[in-house]
Amino acid sequence: MVGIDDVAAAAGVSTATVSRAIRGLPRVSPETRAKILATAKELGYVPSSAASRLASGKTRTIGVLAPYVDRWFFGKAIAGVDQELHGHGYNLSLFNLGGRSSPRERLFSKAMVHKQIDALLLLCMFLRPEEIEDLHAIDMPLVVVGGPVPGCPNVGIDDYLAARSITEHLIGLGHRHIALLHGQDDSDLNFSVPQIRVEGFNDAVHAAGLELHPDASFFGNFTVASGVEALHRFVALPEPRPTAIVCASDEMALGVLFEARRLGLRVPEDLSVVGIDGHEMGASAGLTTVWQDPRAQARRGTQMLLAELSGTAGAVHSEVAEQRLIVRESTAPPSSTPFV
């Protein structure tokens, strides 16, 4: 029978690296992981460590680490995990960081080990270097849903492409002065996604030979309320104001839409508005957006974890989720008579 030592020798790596690669754990490069999986398949190696854990004291519980539970993306993703686990007889153990109010000292070593979960699904968030180190030391399958975490397999959309494509949509309509409402989560827990979306916006603007006026860049925190607040700052800008605004999330875009209509601004005649995420309310509000499905992403990540726990080699891996541009009534070519 082919053992893990045989795979390690044939691939020219340590047995520990083979174990991590086959179980979908971090700290293994994609190239090394692919080489190990190919070698294992060629030799006919069948991993049994996950199956033995299943037969000896396995908790049948998947942990979910979330920065929030009451925001759209996270709520949808948690529902997706729960839906997938329910059909397989597994339980969900939720670790809610709850913004700034929750202590985060050595989060993983204290919470995860003591809760005795079998695998871990993280929802997109910013992790401190010491937390990433703790995460990599956890000897269990893990996957990230949403924004990437260094060294960990990820299931999520291409946030850079989402921001760039929605900006290019406005540029294609003829907009040359475009404002940006970008998000920095107020808990500092969701860092990667906002920054990636800003990069996509900036690259689209620069590629078109346009410039972003610094006063036309606003901060929000991915809530409807921050969209409302941003629009008040927008209308305070001196003429000529931008003719369109890119919002880094649909929730902020909805705030902009609601407040624009309350103030008597015509959308899209006076101002084109776009978002990213595919929030259900966006369809009713006529919002142009880049759609994604966090529930489906979380289900896919959960399927990977369950497959790995059942002994499927290489089940946990990075995967780009479905996304698409949906054009609705909130965008149009810029008006020749801008609002005052």
Protein backbone atom coordinates (compact mmCIF):
# COMPACT_ATOMS: atom_id res chain seq x y z
CA MET A 1 0.00 0.00 0.00
CA VAL A 2 1.29 3.44 -0.96
CA GLY A 3 1.82 5.65 2.08
CA ILE A 4 2.30 9.34 2.67
CA ASP A 5 6.07 8.82 2.90
CA ASP A 6 6.06 7.44 -0.66
CA VAL A 7 4.23 10.52 -1.96
CA ALA A 8 6.60 12.84 -0.11
CA ALA A 9 9.66 11.10 -1.53
CA ALA A 10 8.31 11.10 -5.09
CA ALA A 11 7.31 14.78 -4.89
CA GLY A 12 10.54 15.82 -3.14
CA VAL A 13 8.79 17.42 -0.16
CA SER A 14 8.25 16.60 3.51
CA THR A 15 5.43 14.40 4.76
CA ALA A 16 4.04 17.39 6.64
CA THR A 17 3.78 19.33 3.36
CA VAL A 18 2.03 16.40 1.71
CA SER A 19 -0.43 16.25 4.60
CA ARG A 20 -1.19 19.97 4.41
CA ALA A 21 -1.56 19.93 0.63
CA ILE A 22 -3.91 16.96 0.56
CA ARG A 23 -6.05 18.32 3.38
CA GLY A 24 -6.36 21.79 1.86
CA LEU A 25 -4.50 23.54 4.66
CA PRO A 26 -2.61 26.85 4.15
CA ARG A 27 1.14 27.44 3.84
CA VAL A 28 1.42 25.37 0.66
CA SER A 29 1.93 27.18 -2.65
CA PRO A 30 -0.54 26.40 -5.48
CA GLU A 31 2.30 24.95 -7.56
CA THR A 32 3.48 22.62 -4.79
CA ARG A 33 -0.09 21.59 -3.97
CA ALA A 34 -0.77 20.73 -7.62
CA LYS A 35 2.45 18.71 -7.85
CA ILE A 36 1.66 16.76 -4.69
CA LEU A 37 -1.91 15.99 -5.75
CA ALA A 38 -0.73 14.83 -9.17
CA THR A 39 1.93 12.62 -7.56
CA ALA A 40 -0.58 11.14 -5.11
CA LYS A 41 -2.97 10.35 -7.94
CA GLU A 42 -0.23 8.78 -10.03
CA LEU A 43 0.90 6.56 -7.16
CA GLY A 44 -2.65 5.66 -6.18
CA TYR A 45 -2.35 7.11 -2.70
CA VAL A 46 -5.65 7.33 -0.80
CA PRO A 47 -5.54 9.59 2.29
CA SER A 48 -7.26 8.21 5.33
CA SER A 49 -6.52 10.74 8.06
CA ALA A 50 -9.75 12.67 7.57
CA ALA A 51 -11.77 9.45 7.53
CA SER A 52 -10.13 8.25 10.73
CA ARG A 53 -10.95 11.55 12.43
CA LEU A 54 -14.54 11.06 11.34
CA ALA A 55 -14.62 7.66 13.02
CA SER A 56 -12.92 8.70 16.25
CA GLY A 57 -14.46 11.57 18.16
CA LYS A 58 -15.29 13.93 15.30
CA THR A 59 -17.61 16.73 16.41
CA ARG A 60 -19.50 17.08 13.09
CA THR A 61 -19.34 20.84 13.57
CA ILE A 62 -18.07 23.47 11.14
CA GLY A 63 -16.94 26.82 12.56
CA VAL A 64 -17.81 30.08 10.80
CA LEU A 65 -15.84 33.20 11.67
CA ALA A 66 -17.65 36.43 10.73
CA PRO A 67 -16.98 40.11 11.43
CA TYR A 68 -20.75 40.74 11.49
CA VAL A 69 -23.96 38.74 11.35
CA ASP A 70 -26.37 41.62 10.67
CA ARG A 71 -25.02 42.85 7.33
CA TRP A 72 -26.20 41.65 3.97
CA PHE A 73 -23.20 39.71 2.64
CA PHE A 74 -22.43 38.01 5.94
CA GLY A 75 -26.03 37.14 6.72
CA LYS A 76 -26.50 35.57 3.29
CA ALA A 77 -23.23 33.63 3.55
CA ILE A 78 -24.05 32.26 7.01
CA ALA A 79 -27.44 31.14 5.73
CA GLY A 80 -25.68 29.35 2.87
CA VAL A 81 -23.36 27.48 5.23
CA ASP A 82 -26.25 26.47 7.47
CA GLN A 83 -28.29 25.26 4.51
CA GLU A 84 -25.46 23.07 3.23
CA LEU A 85 -24.59 21.65 6.66
CA HIS A 86 -28.20 20.84 7.50
CA GLY A 87 -28.42 18.41 4.61
CA HIS A 88 -25.30 16.56 5.78
CA GLY A 89 -26.07 16.25 9.48
CA TYR A 90 -23.45 18.80 10.55
CA ASN A 91 -23.79 21.67 13.01
CA LEU A 92 -22.67 25.27 12.64
CA SER A 93 -20.65 27.03 15.34
CA LEU A 94 -20.67 30.79 14.75
CA PHE A 95 -17.86 33.06 15.95
CA ASN A 96 -19.10 36.65 15.62
CA LEU A 97 -16.42 39.32 16.05
CA GLY A 98 -19.11 41.97 16.35
CA GLY A 99 -17.07 44.96 15.20
CA ARG A 100 -14.79 46.84 17.53
CA SER A 101 -16.60 45.76 20.69
CA SER A 102 -15.38 42.16 20.65
CA PRO A 103 -11.95 41.21 22.08
CA ARG A 104 -9.67 39.58 19.50
CA GLU A 105 -6.64 38.53 21.54
CA ARG A 106 -5.34 35.27 20.06
CA LEU A 107 -8.77 34.61 18.64
CA PHE A 108 -8.05 31.35 16.87
CA SER A 109 -6.02 29.55 19.53
CA LYS A 110 -8.58 30.31 22.24
CA ALA A 111 -11.89 30.03 20.42
CA MET A 112 -11.34 27.44 17.74
CA VAL A 113 -9.47 24.80 19.72
CA HIS A 114 -11.73 25.04 22.75
CA LYS A 115 -14.86 24.78 20.62
CA GLN A 116 -13.50 21.62 19.00
CA ILE A 117 -14.68 22.24 15.48
CA ASP A 118 -13.68 20.01 12.58
CA ALA A 119 -13.18 22.68 9.92
CA LEU A 120 -13.28 26.45 9.61
CA LEU A 121 -14.92 28.81 7.12
CA LEU A 122 -13.89 32.47 7.34
CA LEU A 123 -15.98 35.28 5.91
CA CYS A 124 -13.93 38.07 4.33
CA MET A 125 -12.13 40.21 6.86
CA PHE A 126 -8.81 41.84 7.62
CA LEU A 127 -6.58 39.73 9.84
CA ARG A 128 -3.62 40.98 11.81
CA PRO A 129 -0.25 39.28 11.15
CA GLU A 130 -0.34 37.39 14.43
CA GLU A 131 -3.87 36.20 13.68
CA ILE A 132 -2.79 34.89 10.28
CA GLU A 133 0.04 33.06 12.03
CA ASP A 134 -2.42 31.51 14.49
CA LEU A 135 -4.71 30.61 11.60
CA HIS A 136 -1.94 28.82 9.73
CA ALA A 137 -1.12 26.84 12.85
CA ILE A 138 -4.62 25.37 13.07
CA ASP A 139 -4.45 21.77 11.93
CA MET A 140 -7.85 21.54 10.25
CA PRO A 141 -9.37 22.23 6.82
CA LEU A 142 -10.23 25.85 6.20
CA VAL A 143 -11.55 28.05 3.41
CA VAL A 144 -12.22 31.77 3.06
CA VAL A 145 -15.44 33.07 1.45
CA GLY A 146 -15.31 36.61 0.12
CA GLY A 147 -12.18 38.75 0.25
CA PRO A 148 -8.86 36.88 0.27
CA VAL A 149 -6.69 36.07 3.29
CA PRO A 150 -2.97 35.52 2.54
CA GLY A 151 -2.03 31.86 2.18
CA CYS A 152 -5.59 30.51 2.43
CA PRO A 153 -7.84 28.97 -0.25
CA ASN A 154 -10.62 31.36 -1.22
CA VAL A 155 -14.07 31.25 -2.84
CA GLY A 156 -15.24 34.67 -4.02
CA ILE A 157 -15.74 36.99 -6.93
CA ASP A 158 -13.03 38.99 -8.65
CA ASP A 159 -13.57 42.24 -6.74
CA TYR A 160 -11.07 44.10 -8.90
CA LEU A 161 -12.94 43.11 -12.06
CA ALA A 162 -16.28 43.99 -10.47
CA ALA A 163 -15.18 47.55 -9.68
CA ARG A 164 -13.40 48.01 -12.98
CA SER A 165 -16.30 46.72 -15.10
CA ILE A 166 -18.92 48.84 -13.33
CA THR A 167 -16.72 51.92 -13.79
CA GLU A 168 -16.10 51.10 -17.44
CA HIS A 169 -19.87 50.84 -17.89
CA LEU A 170 -20.19 54.49 -16.85
CA ILE A 171 -17.24 55.54 -19.00
CA GLY A 172 -18.83 53.74 -21.95
CA LEU A 173 -22.00 55.81 -21.45
CA GLY A 174 -19.90 58.97 -21.81
CA HIS A 175 -19.30 59.97 -18.19
CA ARG A 176 -16.01 61.80 -17.74
CA HIS A 177 -16.40 63.10 -14.17
CA ILE A 178 -17.09 60.18 -11.83
CA ALA A 179 -17.23 60.24 -8.04
CA LEU A 180 -16.30 57.31 -5.83
CA LEU A 181 -17.94 56.17 -2.61
CA HIS A 182 -15.55 53.56 -1.29
CA GLY A 183 -15.86 51.61 1.91
CA GLN A 184 -13.61 51.12 4.86
CA ASP A 185 -15.38 48.93 7.34
CA ASP A 186 -15.62 50.75 10.67
CA SER A 187 -14.30 47.71 12.53
CA ASP A 188 -11.13 47.35 10.43
CA LEU A 189 -12.18 43.74 9.89
CA ASN A 190 -12.91 43.83 6.16
CA PHE A 191 -9.83 45.41 4.66
CA SER A 192 -9.00 43.53 1.47
CA VAL A 193 -12.28 43.92 -0.43
CA PRO A 194 -12.52 47.74 -0.15
CA GLN A 195 -8.92 48.22 -1.25
CA ILE A 196 -9.25 45.82 -4.18
CA ARG A 197 -12.40 47.57 -5.40
CA VAL A 198 -10.72 50.98 -5.18
CA GLU A 199 -7.88 49.66 -7.33
CA GLY A 200 -10.33 48.44 -9.96
CA PHE A 201 -12.03 51.84 -10.06
CA ASN A 202 -8.77 53.77 -10.24
CA ASP A 203 -7.36 51.61 -13.03
CA ALA A 204 -10.51 52.01 -15.12
CA VAL A 205 -10.41 55.79 -14.70
CA HIS A 206 -6.71 56.05 -15.52
CA ALA A 207 -6.99 53.71 -18.52
CA ALA A 208 -9.62 56.04 -19.97
CA GLY A 209 -7.34 59.05 -19.48
CA LEU A 210 -9.63 60.54 -16.84
CA GLU A 211 -8.81 62.03 -13.47
CA LEU A 212 -10.58 61.72 -10.14
CA HIS A 213 -10.88 64.96 -8.25
CA PRO A 214 -9.80 64.31 -4.64
CA ASP A 215 -12.90 66.06 -3.28
CA ALA A 216 -15.08 63.58 -5.19
CA SER A 217 -13.84 60.56 -3.24
CA PHE A 218 -15.94 59.71 -0.18
CA PHE A 219 -15.69 57.15 2.61
CA GLY A 220 -18.58 54.95 3.68
CA ASN A 221 -18.92 51.86 5.85
CA PHE A 222 -21.02 49.65 3.57
CA THR A 223 -24.33 50.76 5.07
CA VAL A 224 -27.35 52.59 3.63
CA ALA A 225 -26.84 55.37 6.19
CA SER A 226 -23.31 56.04 4.95
CA GLY A 227 -24.67 56.33 1.41
CA VAL A 228 -27.16 58.95 2.57
CA GLU A 229 -24.39 60.88 4.32
CA ALA A 230 -22.12 60.68 1.27
CA LEU A 231 -24.74 62.19 -1.01
CA HIS A 232 -24.97 65.27 1.20
CA ARG A 233 -21.22 65.69 0.83
CA PHE A 234 -21.58 65.14 -2.89
CA VAL A 235 -24.18 67.88 -3.42
CA ALA A 236 -21.97 70.27 -1.45
CA LEU A 237 -19.25 70.00 -4.11
CA PRO A 238 -18.70 73.07 -6.29
CA GLU A 239 -19.78 73.01 -9.92
CA PRO A 240 -19.22 71.22 -12.17
CA ARG A 241 -20.10 68.19 -10.09
CA PRO A 242 -19.48 64.62 -11.28
CA THR A 243 -22.26 63.15 -13.39
CA ALA A 244 -21.98 59.65 -11.91
CA ILE A 245 -20.96 57.93 -8.70
CA VAL A 246 -19.50 54.45 -8.21
CA CYS A 247 -20.47 52.95 -4.85
CA ALA A 248 -18.38 50.06 -3.53
CA SER A 249 -21.48 48.25 -2.29
CA ASP A 250 -25.16 48.12 -3.16
CA GLU A 251 -26.17 49.12 0.34
CA MET A 252 -24.27 52.41 0.03
CA ALA A 253 -25.65 52.86 -3.49
CA LEU A 254 -29.19 52.39 -2.19
CA GLY A 255 -28.59 55.11 0.40
CA VAL A 256 -27.43 57.43 -2.38
CA LEU A 257 -30.51 56.60 -4.48
CA PHE A 258 -33.00 57.07 -1.65
CA GLU A 259 -31.52 60.40 -0.57
CA ALA A 260 -31.12 61.68 -4.14
CA ARG A 261 -34.79 61.17 -4.80
CA ARG A 262 -35.71 62.76 -1.47
CA LEU A 263 -33.66 65.84 -2.39
CA GLY A 264 -35.27 66.06 -5.82
CA LEU A 265 -32.28 64.88 -7.85
CA ARG A 266 -33.21 62.87 -10.90
CA VAL A 267 -31.56 59.47 -11.31
CA PRO A 268 -30.16 58.91 -13.88
CA GLU A 269 -30.83 62.25 -15.59
CA ASP A 270 -28.95 64.30 -13.00
CA LEU A 271 -26.77 61.56 -11.55
CA SER A 272 -26.01 57.98 -12.58
CA VAL A 273 -25.54 55.61 -9.63
CA VAL A 274 -23.98 52.13 -9.59
CA GLY A 275 -23.17 49.58 -6.91
CA ILE A 276 -21.56 46.19 -6.41
CA ASP A 277 -23.03 43.05 -4.77
CA GLY A 278 -26.50 42.30 -6.16
CA HIS A 279 -28.60 43.19 -3.12
CA GLU A 280 -32.24 42.12 -3.57
CA MET A 281 -33.50 45.67 -3.01
CA GLY A 282 -31.37 46.82 -5.94
CA ALA A 283 -33.79 45.31 -8.44
CA SER A 284 -36.77 47.20 -6.95
CA ALA A 285 -34.75 50.42 -6.88
CA GLY A 286 -33.56 49.99 -10.48
CA LEU A 287 -29.90 49.91 -9.44
CA THR A 288 -27.19 49.01 -11.95
CA THR A 289 -24.77 46.67 -10.22
CA VAL A 290 -22.32 43.79 -10.44
CA TRP A 291 -24.25 40.84 -9.07
CA GLN A 292 -22.84 38.09 -6.87
CA ASP A 293 -24.38 35.34 -4.73
CA PRO A 294 -22.79 35.10 -1.25
CA ARG A 295 -25.15 32.27 -0.28
CA ALA A 296 -23.92 30.14 -3.20
CA GLN A 297 -20.28 31.03 -2.46
CA ALA A 298 -20.66 29.92 1.15
CA ARG A 299 -22.38 26.71 0.11
CA ARG A 300 -19.54 25.97 -2.29
CA GLY A 301 -16.92 26.60 0.39
CA THR A 302 -18.83 24.36 2.80
CA GLN A 303 -19.05 21.60 0.19
CA MET A 304 -15.27 21.72 -0.15
CA LEU A 305 -14.78 21.39 3.61
CA LEU A 306 -17.20 18.49 3.87
CA ALA A 307 -15.57 16.71 0.96
CA GLU A 308 -12.14 17.11 2.52
CA LEU A 309 -13.41 15.81 5.85
CA SER A 310 -14.70 12.76 3.97
CA GLY A 311 -11.21 12.09 2.61
CA THR A 312 -11.33 13.68 -0.86
CA ALA A 313 -7.80 14.83 -1.69
CA GLY A 314 -7.53 18.44 -2.91
CA ALA A 315 -11.19 19.20 -2.23
CA VAL A 316 -10.39 22.58 -0.69
CA HIS A 317 -8.99 25.01 -3.25
CA SER A 318 -9.41 28.57 -4.51
CA GLU A 319 -12.28 29.15 -6.88
CA VAL A 320 -13.61 32.29 -8.60
CA ALA A 321 -17.35 32.69 -8.05
CA GLU A 322 -19.93 33.80 -10.58
CA GLN A 323 -20.49 37.53 -11.12
CA ARG A 324 -22.18 39.58 -13.81
CA LEU A 325 -22.99 43.16 -14.71
CA ILE A 326 -26.70 43.96 -14.48
CA VAL A 327 -27.71 47.22 -16.15
CA ARG A 328 -30.88 48.83 -14.83
CA GLU A 329 -32.50 52.27 -14.74
CA SER A 330 -30.00 54.05 -12.48
CA THR A 331 -27.50 54.69 -15.30
CA ALA A 332 -27.70 56.70 -18.53
CA PRO A 333 -25.46 59.00 -20.60
CA PRO A 334 -24.67 62.28 -18.82
CA SER A 335 -27.19 65.08 -19.22
CA SER A 336 -26.23 68.22 -21.13
CA THR A 337 -28.01 70.22 -18.42
CA PRO A 338 -26.57 69.09 -15.05
CA PHE A 339 -28.46 69.72 -11.84
CA VAL A 340 -27.74 72.75 -9.69
